[in-house]
Amino acid sequence: MEDIELQQLWKSYDERLQEQLVFNRKNASDITKMKVKSTLSAMRPIKIFTLLLGILWVLFLDVLLINLFPVGNFFFLISFGFISLVNKIAVGIYAYQLILISVVNINSPVISTQKKIAGLVSSTLWVTRILMLQLPFWITGFMSLAWVINGNILYWSIQGALTALFAGLAVWLFINIRYENREKRWFKFLFGSYEWTPIMKAQEMLGQIKEYEEAN
């Protein structure tokens, strides 16, 4: 009789322990979800600031191009026209990222939120890669036809070296700015901590939530 009572008592204790574990996991999952939302929301101000700054910069470039079009030289118009185009694309990507951050719902399935985070990661990489393409055009934009025609060896040496350097750097960055290189020092220096780190934290926390849900 005592053995039966002892078994029942042990079974009851085990059931309560399991219930407590499930409850703790659920609480941990809910808290982590709120942290994910808070981490992403904290990115909104810098995204809004960058977006507004980008819009003002694009407007300035377009006004400059329009006003100088009648007198502007070929190199200036082509170079700064490309710079303006690249920044317009960047503005569009930042607007897309703000929408992604706004539609994140902590009560949605983890896989749905993971897709949105993946969209933030991918778009952050792409906007940086695209912006790097403008580097050599900051050098060619200040060339003039007179300099091209009358330039001496010294001019062409400096101009050619700078253009080749910035073009090579732009191509290298465009190729190497990838998720696989995220732990490299130059990558961390380039991205800083305001935009990239919160995304990585949110991604890591989503993995924890998935583990909690699978354990339940």
N, C-alpha and C. Protein backbone atom coordinates (compact mmCIF):
# COMPACT_ATOMS: atom_id res chain seq x y z
N MET A 1 0.83 -1.20 0.00
CA MET A 1 0.00 0.00 0.00
C MET A 1 0.87 1.26 0.00
N GLU A 2 1.91 1.22 0.83
CA GLU A 2 2.80 2.37 0.91
C GLU A 2 3.54 2.59 -0.42
N ASP A 3 3.88 1.46 -1.09
CA ASP A 3 4.55 1.57 -2.38
C ASP A 3 3.67 2.24 -3.42
N ILE A 4 2.38 1.89 -3.40
CA ILE A 4 1.44 2.49 -4.36
C ILE A 4 1.30 3.98 -4.10
N GLU A 5 1.16 4.35 -2.81
CA GLU A 5 1.03 5.75 -2.46
C GLU A 5 2.29 6.54 -2.82
N LEU A 6 3.45 5.89 -2.59
CA LEU A 6 4.71 6.53 -2.91
C LEU A 6 4.85 6.76 -4.42
N GLN A 7 4.42 5.78 -5.21
CA GLN A 7 4.46 5.90 -6.67
C GLN A 7 3.54 7.02 -7.16
N GLN A 8 2.33 7.05 -6.55
CA GLN A 8 1.37 8.10 -6.92
C GLN A 8 1.90 9.49 -6.56
N LEU A 9 2.52 9.56 -5.37
CA LEU A 9 3.09 10.84 -4.94
C LEU A 9 4.21 11.27 -5.87
N TRP A 10 5.05 10.31 -6.25
CA TRP A 10 6.15 10.61 -7.17
C TRP A 10 5.63 11.02 -8.55
N LYS A 11 4.58 10.33 -9.01
CA LYS A 11 3.97 10.65 -10.30
C LYS A 11 3.37 12.05 -10.28
N SER A 12 2.70 12.37 -9.17
CA SER A 12 2.10 13.69 -9.03
C SER A 12 3.17 14.78 -9.02
N TYR A 13 4.26 14.51 -8.31
CA TYR A 13 5.36 15.47 -8.25
C TYR A 13 5.98 15.65 -9.63
N ASP A 14 6.15 14.55 -10.35
CA ASP A 14 6.74 14.60 -11.69
C ASP A 14 5.86 15.39 -12.65
N GLU A 15 4.53 15.20 -12.55
CA GLU A 15 3.60 15.94 -13.40
C GLU A 15 3.66 17.44 -13.12
N ARG A 16 3.70 17.79 -11.82
CA ARG A 16 3.79 19.21 -11.47
C ARG A 16 5.10 19.81 -11.94
N LEU A 17 6.17 19.01 -11.86
CA LEU A 17 7.47 19.49 -12.33
C LEU A 17 7.45 19.74 -13.82
N GLN A 18 6.83 18.82 -14.58
CA GLN A 18 6.71 18.98 -16.03
C GLN A 18 5.89 20.21 -16.38
N GLU A 19 4.79 20.42 -15.64
CA GLU A 19 3.94 21.59 -15.87
C GLU A 19 4.72 22.87 -15.61
N GLN A 20 5.54 22.86 -14.53
CA GLN A 20 6.33 24.03 -14.20
C GLN A 20 7.37 24.31 -15.27
N LEU A 21 7.98 23.25 -15.80
CA LEU A 21 8.97 23.41 -16.86
C LEU A 21 8.35 24.00 -18.11
N VAL A 22 7.16 23.48 -18.46
CA VAL A 22 6.45 24.00 -19.64
C VAL A 22 6.09 25.47 -19.42
N PHE A 23 5.63 25.79 -18.20
CA PHE A 23 5.26 27.17 -17.87
C PHE A 23 6.48 28.09 -17.96
N ASN A 24 7.61 27.61 -17.43
CA ASN A 24 8.84 28.42 -17.47
C ASN A 24 9.32 28.65 -18.90
N ARG A 25 9.22 27.59 -19.72
CA ARG A 25 9.63 27.73 -21.12
C ARG A 25 8.73 28.72 -21.84
N LYS A 26 7.42 28.67 -21.56
CA LYS A 26 6.47 29.58 -22.20
C LYS A 26 6.78 31.02 -21.79
N ASN A 27 7.05 31.22 -20.49
CA ASN A 27 7.40 32.56 -20.03
C ASN A 27 8.68 33.05 -20.67
N ALA A 28 9.67 32.16 -20.74
CA ALA A 28 10.94 32.52 -21.36
C ALA A 28 10.74 32.87 -22.83
N SER A 29 9.88 32.10 -23.51
CA SER A 29 9.58 32.36 -24.92
C SER A 29 8.90 33.71 -25.10
N ASP A 30 7.91 34.01 -24.23
CA ASP A 30 7.18 35.27 -24.32
C ASP A 30 8.10 36.47 -24.05
N ILE A 31 8.97 36.31 -23.05
CA ILE A 31 9.91 37.39 -22.72
C ILE A 31 10.88 37.63 -23.87
N THR A 32 11.37 36.54 -24.46
CA THR A 32 12.30 36.66 -25.58
C THR A 32 11.63 37.30 -26.78
N LYS A 33 10.36 36.97 -27.01
CA LYS A 33 9.63 37.59 -28.12
C LYS A 33 9.54 39.10 -27.94
N MET A 34 9.28 39.52 -26.69
CA MET A 34 9.20 40.96 -26.41
C MET A 34 10.57 41.63 -26.62
N LYS A 35 11.63 40.89 -26.27
CA LYS A 35 12.98 41.42 -26.49
C LYS A 35 13.27 41.59 -27.98
N VAL A 36 12.81 40.62 -28.78
CA VAL A 36 12.99 40.71 -30.23
C VAL A 36 12.29 41.95 -30.77
N LYS A 37 11.05 42.15 -30.35
CA LYS A 37 10.29 43.32 -30.80
C LYS A 37 10.96 44.62 -30.37
N SER A 38 11.44 44.63 -29.11
CA SER A 38 12.10 45.83 -28.59
C SER A 38 13.40 46.11 -29.34
N THR A 39 14.16 45.05 -29.65
CA THR A 39 15.42 45.21 -30.37
C THR A 39 15.18 45.78 -31.76
N LEU A 40 14.18 45.26 -32.44
CA LEU A 40 13.87 45.75 -33.79
C LEU A 40 13.31 47.17 -33.76
N SER A 41 12.47 47.44 -32.76
CA SER A 41 11.89 48.79 -32.65
C SER A 41 12.97 49.84 -32.38
N ALA A 42 14.02 49.42 -31.66
CA ALA A 42 15.11 50.35 -31.36
C ALA A 42 15.87 50.77 -32.61
N MET A 43 15.72 49.98 -33.68
CA MET A 43 16.38 50.31 -34.94
C MET A 43 15.61 51.37 -35.72
N ARG A 44 14.34 51.56 -35.40
CA ARG A 44 13.50 52.44 -36.20
C ARG A 44 14.02 53.88 -36.27
N PRO A 45 14.42 54.50 -35.14
CA PRO A 45 14.89 55.90 -35.22
C PRO A 45 16.05 56.11 -36.18
N ILE A 46 17.07 55.23 -36.13
CA ILE A 46 18.22 55.39 -37.02
C ILE A 46 17.84 55.14 -38.47
N LYS A 47 16.88 54.23 -38.68
CA LYS A 47 16.40 53.97 -40.05
C LYS A 47 15.65 55.18 -40.59
N ILE A 48 14.81 55.78 -39.75
CA ILE A 48 14.04 56.95 -40.16
C ILE A 48 14.99 58.12 -40.45
N PHE A 49 15.97 58.30 -39.56
CA PHE A 49 16.94 59.38 -39.76
C PHE A 49 17.71 59.19 -41.07
N THR A 50 18.16 57.95 -41.30
CA THR A 50 18.91 57.65 -42.54
C THR A 50 18.05 57.86 -43.77
N LEU A 51 16.78 57.44 -43.66
CA LEU A 51 15.86 57.60 -44.79
C LEU A 51 15.64 59.07 -45.12
N LEU A 52 15.37 59.89 -44.10
CA LEU A 52 15.15 61.32 -44.32
C LEU A 52 16.41 62.00 -44.85
N LEU A 53 17.56 61.61 -44.29
CA LEU A 53 18.82 62.17 -44.76
C LEU A 53 19.07 61.78 -46.22
N GLY A 54 18.73 60.52 -46.54
CA GLY A 54 18.89 60.05 -47.91
C GLY A 54 18.00 60.79 -48.89
N ILE A 55 16.77 61.06 -48.49
CA ILE A 55 15.84 61.79 -49.35
C ILE A 55 16.35 63.21 -49.61
N LEU A 56 16.81 63.87 -48.53
CA LEU A 56 17.35 65.23 -48.68
C LEU A 56 18.60 65.24 -49.58
N TRP A 57 19.44 64.23 -49.42
CA TRP A 57 20.67 64.14 -50.22
C TRP A 57 20.34 63.93 -51.69
N VAL A 58 19.38 63.05 -51.97
CA VAL A 58 18.97 62.78 -53.36
C VAL A 58 18.35 64.03 -53.98
N LEU A 59 17.53 64.73 -53.21
CA LEU A 59 16.92 65.96 -53.72
C LEU A 59 18.00 67.00 -54.04
N PHE A 60 18.97 67.11 -53.15
CA PHE A 60 20.07 68.06 -53.38
C PHE A 60 20.83 67.71 -54.66
N LEU A 61 21.14 66.42 -54.84
CA LEU A 61 21.86 65.99 -56.04
C LEU A 61 21.05 66.27 -57.31
N ASP A 62 19.75 65.98 -57.25
CA ASP A 62 18.90 66.19 -58.43
C ASP A 62 18.78 67.67 -58.78
N VAL A 63 18.61 68.51 -57.76
CA VAL A 63 18.54 69.95 -58.00
C VAL A 63 19.86 70.45 -58.59
N LEU A 64 20.96 69.94 -58.06
CA LEU A 64 22.28 70.32 -58.57
C LEU A 64 22.44 69.90 -60.03
N LEU A 65 22.03 68.69 -60.35
CA LEU A 65 22.15 68.20 -61.73
C LEU A 65 21.28 68.99 -62.69
N ILE A 66 20.06 69.30 -62.24
CA ILE A 66 19.14 70.06 -63.11
C ILE A 66 19.68 71.46 -63.38
N ASN A 67 20.16 72.11 -62.33
CA ASN A 67 20.64 73.48 -62.47
C ASN A 67 21.94 73.57 -63.27
N LEU A 68 22.77 72.55 -63.15
CA LEU A 68 24.07 72.58 -63.85
C LEU A 68 24.04 71.84 -65.18
N PHE A 69 22.89 71.28 -65.52
CA PHE A 69 22.81 70.52 -66.77
C PHE A 69 23.22 71.33 -68.00
N PRO A 70 22.76 72.60 -68.12
CA PRO A 70 23.14 73.37 -69.32
C PRO A 70 24.64 73.64 -69.42
N VAL A 71 25.30 73.76 -68.27
CA VAL A 71 26.72 74.12 -68.28
C VAL A 71 27.62 72.99 -67.76
N GLY A 72 27.00 71.96 -67.21
CA GLY A 72 27.77 70.87 -66.63
C GLY A 72 28.51 70.06 -67.67
N ASN A 73 29.68 69.59 -67.32
CA ASN A 73 30.44 68.79 -68.28
C ASN A 73 29.97 67.33 -68.25
N PHE A 74 30.38 66.60 -69.24
CA PHE A 74 29.95 65.21 -69.43
C PHE A 74 30.29 64.35 -68.21
N PHE A 75 31.50 64.48 -67.70
CA PHE A 75 31.96 63.65 -66.59
C PHE A 75 31.15 63.92 -65.32
N PHE A 76 30.85 65.19 -65.07
CA PHE A 76 30.08 65.56 -63.88
C PHE A 76 28.67 64.99 -63.95
N LEU A 77 28.02 65.20 -65.11
CA LEU A 77 26.62 64.77 -65.24
C LEU A 77 26.48 63.25 -65.14
N ILE A 78 27.37 62.52 -65.80
CA ILE A 78 27.30 61.06 -65.76
C ILE A 78 27.62 60.54 -64.36
N SER A 79 28.67 61.06 -63.76
CA SER A 79 29.11 60.57 -62.44
C SER A 79 28.09 60.88 -61.36
N PHE A 80 27.65 62.11 -61.27
CA PHE A 80 26.71 62.46 -60.22
C PHE A 80 25.29 61.97 -60.52
N GLY A 81 25.02 61.74 -61.79
CA GLY A 81 23.75 61.10 -62.14
C GLY A 81 23.72 59.68 -61.60
N PHE A 82 24.84 58.97 -61.72
CA PHE A 82 24.93 57.60 -61.20
C PHE A 82 24.87 57.60 -59.67
N ILE A 83 25.56 58.55 -59.05
CA ILE A 83 25.54 58.66 -57.59
C ILE A 83 24.11 58.89 -57.10
N SER A 84 23.39 59.76 -57.79
CA SER A 84 22.00 60.03 -57.44
C SER A 84 21.14 58.77 -57.58
N LEU A 85 21.34 58.02 -58.65
CA LEU A 85 20.58 56.78 -58.89
C LEU A 85 20.84 55.76 -57.79
N VAL A 86 22.10 55.59 -57.43
CA VAL A 86 22.47 54.64 -56.39
C VAL A 86 21.82 55.01 -55.06
N ASN A 87 21.82 56.29 -54.74
CA ASN A 87 21.23 56.73 -53.48
C ASN A 87 19.71 56.63 -53.50
N LYS A 88 19.10 56.78 -54.65
CA LYS A 88 17.64 56.56 -54.76
C LYS A 88 17.29 55.11 -54.43
N ILE A 89 18.10 54.19 -54.96
CA ILE A 89 17.89 52.77 -54.66
C ILE A 89 18.03 52.52 -53.17
N ALA A 90 19.04 53.15 -52.55
CA ALA A 90 19.27 53.00 -51.11
C ALA A 90 18.07 53.52 -50.30
N VAL A 91 17.53 54.65 -50.71
CA VAL A 91 16.36 55.22 -50.04
C VAL A 91 15.18 54.24 -50.11
N GLY A 92 14.98 53.63 -51.27
CA GLY A 92 13.91 52.65 -51.42
C GLY A 92 14.11 51.45 -50.51
N ILE A 93 15.36 50.99 -50.37
CA ILE A 93 15.64 49.84 -49.52
C ILE A 93 15.40 50.18 -48.05
N TYR A 94 15.78 51.38 -47.63
CA TYR A 94 15.55 51.79 -46.25
C TYR A 94 14.05 51.90 -45.96
N ALA A 95 13.29 52.36 -46.92
CA ALA A 95 11.83 52.42 -46.74
C ALA A 95 11.27 51.01 -46.60
N TYR A 96 11.76 50.09 -47.40
CA TYR A 96 11.36 48.68 -47.31
C TYR A 96 11.70 48.09 -45.94
N GLN A 97 12.87 48.44 -45.40
CA GLN A 97 13.27 47.93 -44.10
C GLN A 97 12.37 48.47 -42.98
N LEU A 98 11.99 49.73 -43.09
CA LEU A 98 11.07 50.29 -42.09
C LEU A 98 9.73 49.57 -42.10
N ILE A 99 9.28 49.22 -43.29
CA ILE A 99 8.02 48.46 -43.40
C ILE A 99 8.18 47.09 -42.75
N LEU A 100 9.30 46.42 -43.01
CA LEU A 100 9.55 45.11 -42.41
C LEU A 100 9.54 45.18 -40.89
N ILE A 101 10.21 46.18 -40.34
CA ILE A 101 10.27 46.34 -38.89
C ILE A 101 8.88 46.59 -38.31
N SER A 102 8.07 47.37 -39.03
CA SER A 102 6.73 47.74 -38.55
C SER A 102 5.76 46.56 -38.54
N VAL A 103 5.94 45.62 -39.48
CA VAL A 103 4.97 44.52 -39.60
C VAL A 103 5.37 43.29 -38.79
N VAL A 104 6.51 43.36 -38.10
CA VAL A 104 6.90 42.22 -37.26
C VAL A 104 5.90 42.06 -36.13
N ASN A 105 5.33 40.87 -36.01
CA ASN A 105 4.36 40.55 -34.97
C ASN A 105 4.93 39.43 -34.10
N ILE A 106 5.14 39.75 -32.81
CA ILE A 106 5.77 38.77 -31.92
C ILE A 106 4.89 37.55 -31.69
N ASN A 107 3.59 37.67 -31.99
CA ASN A 107 2.69 36.53 -31.80
C ASN A 107 2.58 35.66 -33.05
N SER A 108 3.25 36.07 -34.13
CA SER A 108 3.24 35.26 -35.35
C SER A 108 4.15 34.05 -35.17
N PRO A 109 3.99 33.03 -36.01
CA PRO A 109 4.91 31.88 -35.95
C PRO A 109 6.36 32.33 -36.12
N VAL A 110 7.27 31.62 -35.47
CA VAL A 110 8.68 32.00 -35.49
C VAL A 110 9.21 32.05 -36.92
N ILE A 111 8.80 31.11 -37.74
CA ILE A 111 9.32 31.05 -39.12
C ILE A 111 8.94 32.30 -39.91
N SER A 112 7.76 32.87 -39.59
CA SER A 112 7.33 34.10 -40.27
C SER A 112 8.23 35.28 -39.88
N THR A 113 8.53 35.37 -38.58
CA THR A 113 9.42 36.44 -38.11
C THR A 113 10.83 36.23 -38.62
N GLN A 114 11.27 34.97 -38.69
CA GLN A 114 12.60 34.68 -39.20
C GLN A 114 12.75 35.14 -40.65
N LYS A 115 11.70 35.00 -41.44
CA LYS A 115 11.74 35.45 -42.83
C LYS A 115 11.90 36.96 -42.90
N LYS A 116 11.23 37.67 -42.00
CA LYS A 116 11.35 39.13 -42.00
C LYS A 116 12.76 39.56 -41.57
N ILE A 117 13.31 38.86 -40.57
CA ILE A 117 14.68 39.15 -40.15
C ILE A 117 15.65 38.86 -41.28
N ALA A 118 15.41 37.76 -41.98
CA ALA A 118 16.26 37.41 -43.13
C ALA A 118 16.19 38.50 -44.19
N GLY A 119 14.99 39.08 -44.36
CA GLY A 119 14.83 40.19 -45.30
C GLY A 119 15.63 41.41 -44.86
N LEU A 120 15.67 41.67 -43.55
CA LEU A 120 16.46 42.79 -43.04
C LEU A 120 17.96 42.55 -43.25
N VAL A 121 18.39 41.32 -42.99
CA VAL A 121 19.81 40.98 -43.17
C VAL A 121 20.20 41.15 -44.64
N SER A 122 19.41 40.55 -45.52
CA SER A 122 19.71 40.59 -46.95
C SER A 122 19.71 42.02 -47.49
N SER A 123 18.70 42.80 -47.12
CA SER A 123 18.60 44.17 -47.63
C SER A 123 19.69 45.07 -47.06
N THR A 124 20.10 44.82 -45.80
CA THR A 124 21.20 45.60 -45.22
C THR A 124 22.50 45.35 -45.97
N LEU A 125 22.74 44.09 -46.32
CA LEU A 125 23.93 43.76 -47.09
C LEU A 125 23.87 44.38 -48.49
N TRP A 126 22.71 44.28 -49.12
CA TRP A 126 22.58 44.77 -50.50
C TRP A 126 22.67 46.30 -50.58
N VAL A 127 22.07 46.99 -49.63
CA VAL A 127 22.11 48.46 -49.69
C VAL A 127 23.55 48.95 -49.52
N THR A 128 24.32 48.26 -48.69
CA THR A 128 25.71 48.65 -48.50
C THR A 128 26.53 48.32 -49.74
N ARG A 129 26.29 47.15 -50.32
CA ARG A 129 27.02 46.76 -51.54
C ARG A 129 26.74 47.75 -52.67
N ILE A 130 25.49 48.11 -52.83
CA ILE A 130 25.11 49.03 -53.90
C ILE A 130 25.72 50.42 -53.69
N LEU A 131 25.70 50.89 -52.44
CA LEU A 131 26.27 52.21 -52.16
C LEU A 131 27.77 52.26 -52.43
N MET A 132 28.45 51.13 -52.26
CA MET A 132 29.89 51.09 -52.52
C MET A 132 30.23 51.33 -53.99
N LEU A 133 29.28 51.04 -54.87
CA LEU A 133 29.53 51.19 -56.30
C LEU A 133 29.74 52.64 -56.73
N GLN A 134 29.34 53.58 -55.89
CA GLN A 134 29.48 54.99 -56.26
C GLN A 134 30.89 55.53 -56.00
N LEU A 135 31.73 54.77 -55.31
CA LEU A 135 33.05 55.28 -54.92
C LEU A 135 33.87 55.86 -56.08
N PRO A 136 34.08 55.14 -57.19
CA PRO A 136 34.92 55.71 -58.25
C PRO A 136 34.31 56.93 -58.93
N PHE A 137 32.99 57.07 -58.85
CA PHE A 137 32.33 58.19 -59.52
C PHE A 137 32.56 59.51 -58.78
N TRP A 138 32.97 59.41 -57.50
CA TRP A 138 33.35 60.63 -56.79
C TRP A 138 34.69 61.17 -57.30
N ILE A 139 35.46 60.31 -57.95
CA ILE A 139 36.73 60.74 -58.54
C ILE A 139 36.51 61.26 -59.96
N THR A 140 35.75 60.51 -60.75
CA THR A 140 35.53 60.92 -62.15
C THR A 140 34.61 62.12 -62.26
N GLY A 141 33.79 62.36 -61.24
CA GLY A 141 32.84 63.48 -61.30
C GLY A 141 33.48 64.84 -61.37
N PHE A 142 34.72 64.94 -60.94
CA PHE A 142 35.39 66.24 -60.92
C PHE A 142 36.39 66.40 -62.07
N MET A 143 36.34 65.46 -63.01
CA MET A 143 37.16 65.60 -64.21
C MET A 143 36.51 66.60 -65.16
N SER A 144 37.29 67.13 -66.06
CA SER A 144 36.75 68.02 -67.08
C SER A 144 37.35 67.65 -68.43
N LEU A 145 36.66 68.02 -69.49
CA LEU A 145 37.13 67.71 -70.84
C LEU A 145 38.46 68.40 -71.13
N ALA A 146 38.61 69.60 -70.60
CA ALA A 146 39.86 70.35 -70.81
C ALA A 146 41.03 69.64 -70.17
N TRP A 147 40.79 69.10 -68.95
CA TRP A 147 41.86 68.37 -68.26
C TRP A 147 42.22 67.09 -69.02
N VAL A 148 41.18 66.44 -69.56
CA VAL A 148 41.41 65.19 -70.30
C VAL A 148 42.25 65.45 -71.55
N ILE A 149 41.93 66.56 -72.23
CA ILE A 149 42.64 66.87 -73.48
C ILE A 149 44.05 67.39 -73.21
N ASN A 150 44.15 68.26 -72.21
CA ASN A 150 45.42 68.93 -71.97
C ASN A 150 46.23 68.36 -70.81
N GLY A 151 45.72 67.33 -70.18
CA GLY A 151 46.39 66.78 -69.01
C GLY A 151 47.76 66.21 -69.32
N ASN A 152 48.71 66.45 -68.43
CA ASN A 152 50.05 65.93 -68.62
C ASN A 152 50.17 64.55 -67.94
N ILE A 153 51.38 64.03 -67.95
CA ILE A 153 51.62 62.69 -67.40
C ILE A 153 51.31 62.64 -65.90
N LEU A 154 51.67 63.71 -65.19
CA LEU A 154 51.42 63.77 -63.75
C LEU A 154 49.92 63.70 -63.45
N TYR A 155 49.15 64.49 -64.20
CA TYR A 155 47.69 64.48 -64.01
C TYR A 155 47.12 63.10 -64.26
N TRP A 156 47.51 62.48 -65.39
CA TRP A 156 46.96 61.17 -65.72
C TRP A 156 47.42 60.09 -64.75
N SER A 157 48.59 60.24 -64.21
CA SER A 157 49.09 59.28 -63.23
C SER A 157 48.26 59.33 -61.95
N ILE A 158 48.02 60.57 -61.48
CA ILE A 158 47.24 60.73 -60.25
C ILE A 158 45.78 60.34 -60.49
N GLN A 159 45.20 60.86 -61.56
CA GLN A 159 43.80 60.58 -61.87
C GLN A 159 43.59 59.08 -62.12
N GLY A 160 44.46 58.48 -62.89
CA GLY A 160 44.33 57.06 -63.18
C GLY A 160 44.49 56.19 -61.95
N ALA A 161 45.46 56.54 -61.10
CA ALA A 161 45.71 55.76 -59.89
C ALA A 161 44.52 55.84 -58.93
N LEU A 162 43.99 57.05 -58.73
CA LEU A 162 42.86 57.23 -57.81
C LEU A 162 41.60 56.53 -58.33
N THR A 163 41.34 56.69 -59.62
CA THR A 163 40.16 56.04 -60.21
C THR A 163 40.26 54.52 -60.11
N ALA A 164 41.44 53.99 -60.44
CA ALA A 164 41.64 52.54 -60.36
C ALA A 164 41.53 52.04 -58.93
N LEU A 165 42.07 52.81 -57.97
CA LEU A 165 42.02 52.43 -56.56
C LEU A 165 40.58 52.37 -56.05
N PHE A 166 39.81 53.42 -56.32
CA PHE A 166 38.43 53.48 -55.84
C PHE A 166 37.54 52.47 -56.57
N ALA A 167 37.81 52.27 -57.86
CA ALA A 167 37.04 51.28 -58.62
C ALA A 167 37.32 49.87 -58.10
N GLY A 168 38.59 49.58 -57.86
CA GLY A 168 38.96 48.28 -57.32
C GLY A 168 38.36 48.05 -55.95
N LEU A 169 38.40 49.08 -55.10
CA LEU A 169 37.82 48.98 -53.75
C LEU A 169 36.32 48.74 -53.83
N ALA A 170 35.65 49.46 -54.74
CA ALA A 170 34.20 49.31 -54.89
C ALA A 170 33.84 47.89 -55.32
N VAL A 171 34.57 47.36 -56.29
CA VAL A 171 34.30 46.00 -56.77
C VAL A 171 34.58 44.97 -55.68
N TRP A 172 35.70 45.16 -54.96
CA TRP A 172 36.06 44.22 -53.89
C TRP A 172 35.01 44.19 -52.80
N LEU A 173 34.56 45.38 -52.39
CA LEU A 173 33.53 45.46 -51.35
C LEU A 173 32.21 44.87 -51.83
N PHE A 174 31.85 45.16 -53.07
CA PHE A 174 30.60 44.62 -53.62
C PHE A 174 30.61 43.09 -53.60
N ILE A 175 31.76 42.51 -53.91
CA ILE A 175 31.87 41.05 -53.94
C ILE A 175 31.94 40.45 -52.53
N ASN A 176 32.63 41.12 -51.63
CA ASN A 176 32.94 40.52 -50.32
C ASN A 176 31.99 40.90 -49.19
N ILE A 177 31.12 41.88 -49.41
CA ILE A 177 30.13 42.19 -48.38
C ILE A 177 29.07 41.10 -48.41
N ARG A 178 29.31 40.07 -47.65
CA ARG A 178 28.43 38.90 -47.59
C ARG A 178 28.26 38.46 -46.14
N TYR A 179 27.19 37.74 -45.91
CA TYR A 179 26.88 37.26 -44.56
C TYR A 179 28.01 36.39 -44.01
N GLU A 180 28.65 35.63 -44.88
CA GLU A 180 29.71 34.72 -44.46
C GLU A 180 30.91 35.47 -43.88
N ASN A 181 31.05 36.74 -44.21
CA ASN A 181 32.20 37.52 -43.73
C ASN A 181 31.88 38.39 -42.53
N ARG A 182 30.74 38.14 -41.90
CA ARG A 182 30.25 39.01 -40.82
C ARG A 182 31.17 39.07 -39.60
N GLU A 183 32.00 38.07 -39.39
CA GLU A 183 32.89 38.06 -38.23
C GLU A 183 34.23 38.71 -38.50
N LYS A 184 34.48 39.10 -39.73
CA LYS A 184 35.77 39.71 -40.06
C LYS A 184 35.83 41.16 -39.58
N ARG A 185 37.03 41.58 -39.24
CA ARG A 185 37.21 42.90 -38.62
C ARG A 185 36.75 44.02 -39.54
N TRP A 186 37.10 43.98 -40.81
CA TRP A 186 36.73 45.06 -41.74
C TRP A 186 35.22 45.14 -41.89
N PHE A 187 34.55 43.97 -41.84
CA PHE A 187 33.09 43.94 -41.96
C PHE A 187 32.46 44.65 -40.76
N LYS A 188 32.93 44.32 -39.55
CA LYS A 188 32.38 44.94 -38.34
C LYS A 188 32.65 46.43 -38.32
N PHE A 189 33.83 46.83 -38.81
CA PHE A 189 34.16 48.25 -38.87
C PHE A 189 33.24 48.98 -39.84
N LEU A 190 32.96 48.34 -40.96
CA LEU A 190 32.15 48.96 -42.00
C LEU A 190 30.70 49.13 -41.56
N PHE A 191 30.17 48.12 -40.89
CA PHE A 191 28.76 48.16 -40.52
C PHE A 191 28.50 48.81 -39.17
N GLY A 192 29.50 48.82 -38.29
CA GLY A 192 29.30 49.40 -36.98
C GLY A 192 28.32 48.59 -36.16
N SER A 193 27.69 49.22 -35.20
CA SER A 193 26.81 48.49 -34.28
C SER A 193 25.37 48.98 -34.28
N TYR A 194 25.10 50.06 -34.99
CA TYR A 194 23.76 50.65 -34.91
C TYR A 194 22.72 49.88 -35.72
N GLU A 195 23.14 49.30 -36.84
CA GLU A 195 22.19 48.61 -37.70
C GLU A 195 22.38 47.10 -37.69
N TRP A 196 23.61 46.66 -37.75
CA TRP A 196 23.88 45.22 -37.90
C TRP A 196 23.69 44.44 -36.60
N THR A 197 24.24 44.95 -35.50
CA THR A 197 24.20 44.22 -34.22
C THR A 197 22.77 43.91 -33.77
N PRO A 198 21.83 44.87 -33.81
CA PRO A 198 20.45 44.54 -33.40
C PRO A 198 19.83 43.42 -34.23
N ILE A 199 20.12 43.39 -35.53
CA ILE A 199 19.57 42.34 -36.39
C ILE A 199 20.12 40.98 -35.98
N MET A 200 21.42 40.92 -35.69
CA MET A 200 22.04 39.67 -35.28
C MET A 200 21.48 39.20 -33.93
N LYS A 201 21.25 40.15 -33.00
CA LYS A 201 20.68 39.80 -31.70
C LYS A 201 19.27 39.25 -31.86
N ALA A 202 18.49 39.90 -32.71
CA ALA A 202 17.12 39.44 -32.95
C ALA A 202 17.12 38.05 -33.58
N GLN A 203 18.03 37.81 -34.50
CA GLN A 203 18.14 36.51 -35.15
C GLN A 203 18.51 35.42 -34.14
N GLU A 204 19.42 35.74 -33.24
CA GLU A 204 19.84 34.79 -32.21
C GLU A 204 18.69 34.48 -31.26
N MET A 205 17.94 35.51 -30.86
CA MET A 205 16.82 35.31 -29.94
C MET A 205 15.70 34.49 -30.58
N LEU A 206 15.51 34.66 -31.87
CA LEU A 206 14.50 33.86 -32.56
C LEU A 206 14.87 32.38 -32.53
N GLY A 207 16.16 32.10 -32.61
CA GLY A 207 16.62 30.72 -32.49
C GLY A 207 16.29 30.15 -31.12
N GLN A 208 16.43 30.98 -30.08
CA GLN A 208 16.09 30.55 -28.72
C GLN A 208 14.60 30.27 -28.59
N ILE A 209 13.77 31.14 -29.18
CA ILE A 209 12.32 30.94 -29.13
C ILE A 209 11.93 29.63 -29.80
N LYS A 210 12.57 29.36 -30.93
CA LYS A 210 12.29 28.11 -31.65
C LYS A 210 12.63 26.90 -30.80
N GLU A 211 13.73 26.98 -30.05
CA GLU A 211 14.12 25.89 -29.16
C GLU A 211 13.10 25.72 -28.03
N TYR A 212 12.61 26.83 -27.49
CA TYR A 212 11.61 26.76 -26.42
C TYR A 212 10.34 26.08 -26.92
N GLU A 213 9.90 26.49 -28.12
CA GLU A 213 8.67 25.93 -28.67
C GLU A 213 8.81 24.45 -29.01
N GLU A 214 9.98 24.09 -29.53
CA GLU A 214 10.20 22.68 -29.85
C GLU A 214 10.27 21.82 -28.58
N ALA A 215 10.81 22.41 -27.51
CA ALA A 215 10.90 21.67 -26.24
C ALA A 215 9.53 21.43 -25.63
N ASN A 216 8.59 22.35 -25.92
CA ASN A 216 7.23 22.19 -25.39
C ASN A 216 6.42 21.20 -26.22
